[in-house]
Structure formats: C-alpha cells, structure tokens
Protein backbone atom coordinates (compact mmCIF):
# COMPACT_ATOMS: atom_id res chain seq x y z
CA ILE A 1 0.05 0.06 0.19
CA PRO A 2 1.21 3.37 -0.38
CA PHE A 3 2.14 4.53 2.91
CA SER A 4 3.61 7.78 4.00
CA HIS A 5 5.63 8.12 7.31
CA LEU A 6 5.79 12.22 6.50
CA ALA A 7 1.91 12.29 6.63
CA HIS A 8 1.83 10.44 10.04
CA VAL A 9 4.57 12.49 11.58
CA GLU A 10 3.79 16.06 10.26
CA ASN A 11 0.15 15.69 9.70
CA ALA A 12 -0.78 13.53 12.81
CA GLY A 13 1.87 14.31 15.11
CA MET A 14 3.06 10.82 15.53
CA ASP A 15 6.25 9.69 16.53
CA CYS A 16 8.02 6.15 15.85
CA ALA A 17 6.98 4.59 19.27
CA GLU A 18 3.40 5.01 18.51
CA CYS A 19 3.38 2.60 15.75
CA HIS A 20 6.58 0.60 16.40
CA ALA A 21 6.46 -0.26 20.15
CA TYR A 22 8.41 -2.41 22.16
CA LYS A 23 7.78 -5.96 23.58
CA ASP A 24 8.14 -6.54 27.22
CA ASP A 25 11.54 -7.95 26.79
CA GLY A 26 12.82 -4.69 25.17
CA ARG A 27 13.01 -6.04 21.70
CA PHE A 28 11.29 -4.19 18.85
CA GLY A 29 7.49 -5.22 18.66
CA GLY A 30 7.47 -4.80 14.89
CA ILE A 31 5.05 -3.15 12.56
CA PRO A 32 1.34 -2.66 13.75
CA SER A 33 -1.48 -4.45 12.76
CA PHE A 34 -4.11 -3.00 10.55
CA GLU A 35 -6.67 -3.24 13.43
CA PHE A 36 -4.27 -0.37 14.96
CA CYS A 37 -4.70 1.57 11.73
CA LEU A 38 -8.43 1.15 12.02
CA GLY A 39 -7.97 3.53 15.31
CA CYS A 40 -7.90 6.53 13.13
CA HIS A 41 -8.94 5.36 9.45
CA THR A 42 -12.42 4.44 8.86
CA TRP A 43 -14.86 5.35 6.15
CA ASP A 44 -16.63 7.14 8.94
CA ASP A 45 -13.72 8.77 10.32
CA ARG A 46 -11.54 9.67 7.31
CA GLN A 47 -8.33 11.91 8.30
CA ASN A 48 -8.05 13.43 4.57
CA GLU A 49 -10.98 13.25 2.15
CA ASP A 50 -8.70 14.13 -0.58
CA SER A 51 -6.01 11.57 0.11
CA GLN A 52 -5.84 9.14 -2.64
CA ALA A 53 -3.62 6.84 -0.50
CA GLU A 54 -6.19 6.80 2.36
CA THR A 55 -9.03 5.98 -0.02
CA GLU A 56 -7.12 3.01 -1.68
CA PHE A 57 -6.52 1.71 2.01
CA LEU A 58 -9.85 1.93 2.90
CA GLU A 59 -11.22 0.49 -0.60
CA LYS A 60 -8.76 -2.41 -0.15
CA PHE A 61 -8.76 -3.38 3.44
CA VAL A 62 -11.76 -1.76 5.21
CA THR A 63 -15.62 -2.70 4.67
CA GLU A 64 -18.13 -0.03 4.65
CA ASP A 65 -18.93 -0.89 8.27
CA GLY A 66 -15.67 -0.38 9.51
CA LYS A 67 -14.41 -4.19 9.53
CA LEU A 68 -11.14 -5.30 8.30
CA LYS A 69 -11.14 -7.05 5.22
CA GLY A 70 -7.78 -8.74 5.80
CA ASP A 71 -4.55 -7.91 7.52
CA PRO A 72 -1.72 -7.54 4.79
CA LYS A 73 2.00 -8.62 5.34
CA TRP A 74 4.30 -5.73 5.62
CA TYR A 75 7.83 -5.85 4.45
CA VAL A 76 10.48 -6.31 7.25
CA TYR A 77 13.46 -4.61 6.30
CA SER A 78 15.29 -5.22 9.58
CA ALA A 79 14.40 -8.87 10.67
CA GLN A 80 17.20 -10.21 12.92
CA PRO A 81 18.29 -13.61 12.67
CA ASP A 82 16.68 -16.18 15.09
CA CYS A 83 20.36 -16.85 16.96
CA VAL A 84 20.51 -12.92 17.50
CA TYR A 85 18.98 -11.01 20.22
CA PHE A 86 18.81 -7.21 20.06
CA SER A 87 17.26 -4.87 22.46
CA HIS A 88 16.14 -1.75 20.96
CA ILE A 89 15.49 -0.50 24.69
CA ALA A 90 19.00 -0.87 25.58
CA HIS A 91 20.06 1.44 22.50
CA THR A 92 17.14 4.02 22.61
CA GLU A 93 16.06 4.48 25.97
CA LYS A 94 19.32 3.43 27.92
CA GLY A 95 21.90 4.30 25.34
CA GLY A 96 20.26 7.51 24.33
CA PHE A 97 20.12 6.74 20.37
CA LYS A 98 17.36 8.25 18.09
CA CYS A 99 15.72 5.71 15.92
CA GLU A 100 16.97 8.08 12.96
CA GLU A 101 20.64 7.19 14.01
CA CYS A 102 20.52 3.68 12.59
CA HIS A 103 17.37 3.62 10.62
CA GLY A 104 17.45 6.79 8.94
CA ASP A 105 15.00 9.70 8.82
CA HIS A 106 11.80 7.91 7.84
CA GLY A 107 9.80 10.41 9.18
CA GLN A 108 10.44 12.68 6.31
CA THR A 109 9.73 9.88 3.73
CA ASP A 110 6.49 10.25 1.80
CA SER A 111 6.79 6.70 0.33
CA LEU A 112 8.35 3.20 1.24
CA ARG A 113 11.56 2.49 -0.33
CA PRO A 114 11.91 -0.60 -2.52
CA TYR A 115 12.31 -3.90 -0.84
CA PHE A 116 14.80 -6.16 -1.90
CA GLN A 117 15.23 -10.03 -0.52
CA ASN A 118 18.22 -11.97 -0.27
CA ARG A 119 17.35 -15.24 -2.18
CA ILE A 120 19.71 -17.36 0.00
CA THR A 121 19.17 -15.93 3.52
CA ARG A 122 15.48 -14.37 2.81
CA TYR A 123 16.65 -11.38 4.72
CA SER A 124 16.21 -7.85 3.34
CA ARG A 125 18.94 -6.44 1.58
CA ASP A 126 19.31 -3.70 4.59
CA VAL A 127 20.18 -6.64 6.85
CA ASP A 128 22.74 -7.92 4.64
CA ALA A 129 24.26 -4.51 4.10
CA HIS A 130 24.11 -2.56 7.55
CA MET A 131 23.25 -5.26 10.08
CA LYS A 132 26.66 -7.20 10.16
CA MET A 133 28.13 -8.21 13.47
CA THR A 134 30.99 -5.99 12.63
CA ASP A 135 28.89 -2.95 12.33
CA CYS A 136 27.61 -3.62 16.04
CA GLY A 137 31.05 -4.41 17.27
CA ASP A 138 32.47 -1.22 15.70
CA CYS A 139 29.50 1.19 16.95
CA HIS A 140 30.03 -0.57 20.59
CA VAL A 141 33.92 0.61 20.40
CA LYS A 142 33.25 3.98 18.94
CA HIS A 143 30.61 4.78 21.74
CA GLY A 144 32.85 3.49 24.55
CA ARG A 145 31.30 0.17 24.95
CA PRO A 146 33.51 -2.68 23.84
CA GLU A 147 32.50 -5.04 26.70
CA ASN A 148 29.25 -5.37 24.82
CA ASN A 149 31.18 -7.25 21.75
CA ALA A 150 31.14 -10.73 24.05
CA CYS A 151 29.45 -13.07 22.12
CA PHE A 152 26.62 -14.00 24.91
CA VAL A 153 25.52 -10.27 24.93
CA CYS A 154 23.81 -10.74 21.47
CA HIS A 155 23.64 -14.41 20.53
CA LYS A 156 21.17 -16.81 22.24
C-alpha cells in the first residue's frame, strides 16, 4: 500500500514509538496490525477526504461498516536472525540513540523504499548491507562500550 511516514509525523504529530512499540523484553515489537490503523482510518472517520492513499487503503482493506477485510503482510526491512537478540530499549532509552541514527529519517519520507530480499538468506538487503556483526562491534567501540562485544551479549 502507499504509505507516508511524513503524513503521519507532520500531519498527525505521531512519533516512531506510537506504531513501532517494544515488547516486554525490550525487543522491537514490529509493525502495527491494521486493526491499530483502524483506530484513525475508517470510512466514517476519514483523516483526509482528498487523500488518494487513504482511499486506496480503505477500499482495499476496510468494509463499509468499518471491519477489516484482511491483514496484509508488511515488508520487514530489519528482521534479525533467530540466533541474535537485539534490545532496542537498551539502545534507545538507556543508550540515548534516536531511531533515525540507525534507521534513517523515515519521518521525512513520503513513500516506502523498494524492498529487496536476499534469495539465499531470505533477509532484506538492509540486513545484509547494514546489520553485520562487525557493524555492531564497531559501534560499541566507537561509543566506548567494547565490553558489549562479547558473544553472549547478542547471541542466544
């Protein structure tokens, strides 16, 4: 679906954590369900009558009486391998990093970027290009936390 982070940040005044919450153990909770989106987007409670993107969303996924037709699958650009534990809370709330420092300023983007999946690993190109163990280790050293490079810190 056409999705604009910019419209949600600037027009609705939302921040990353409203849609991208944490699980109880500090891991990233992922992308919200479309039921969450129905809290603001229904045929009776349109956010922008002139928005083609909202109209397309409603036509494809919401019945006239406000029920969800189906929950589509979002692309996951940053899925971690099963053997890795990564706590977003440790980095954002305890480490003081802003989401934009690692993920870029998606709040200023008006559409989703192309999604490319590695045919062998099934991870997105973003994981293959920017989420290697050496990237984590280099960042820990850069920020004065080399003790966090021990294997057991990230690997289950």
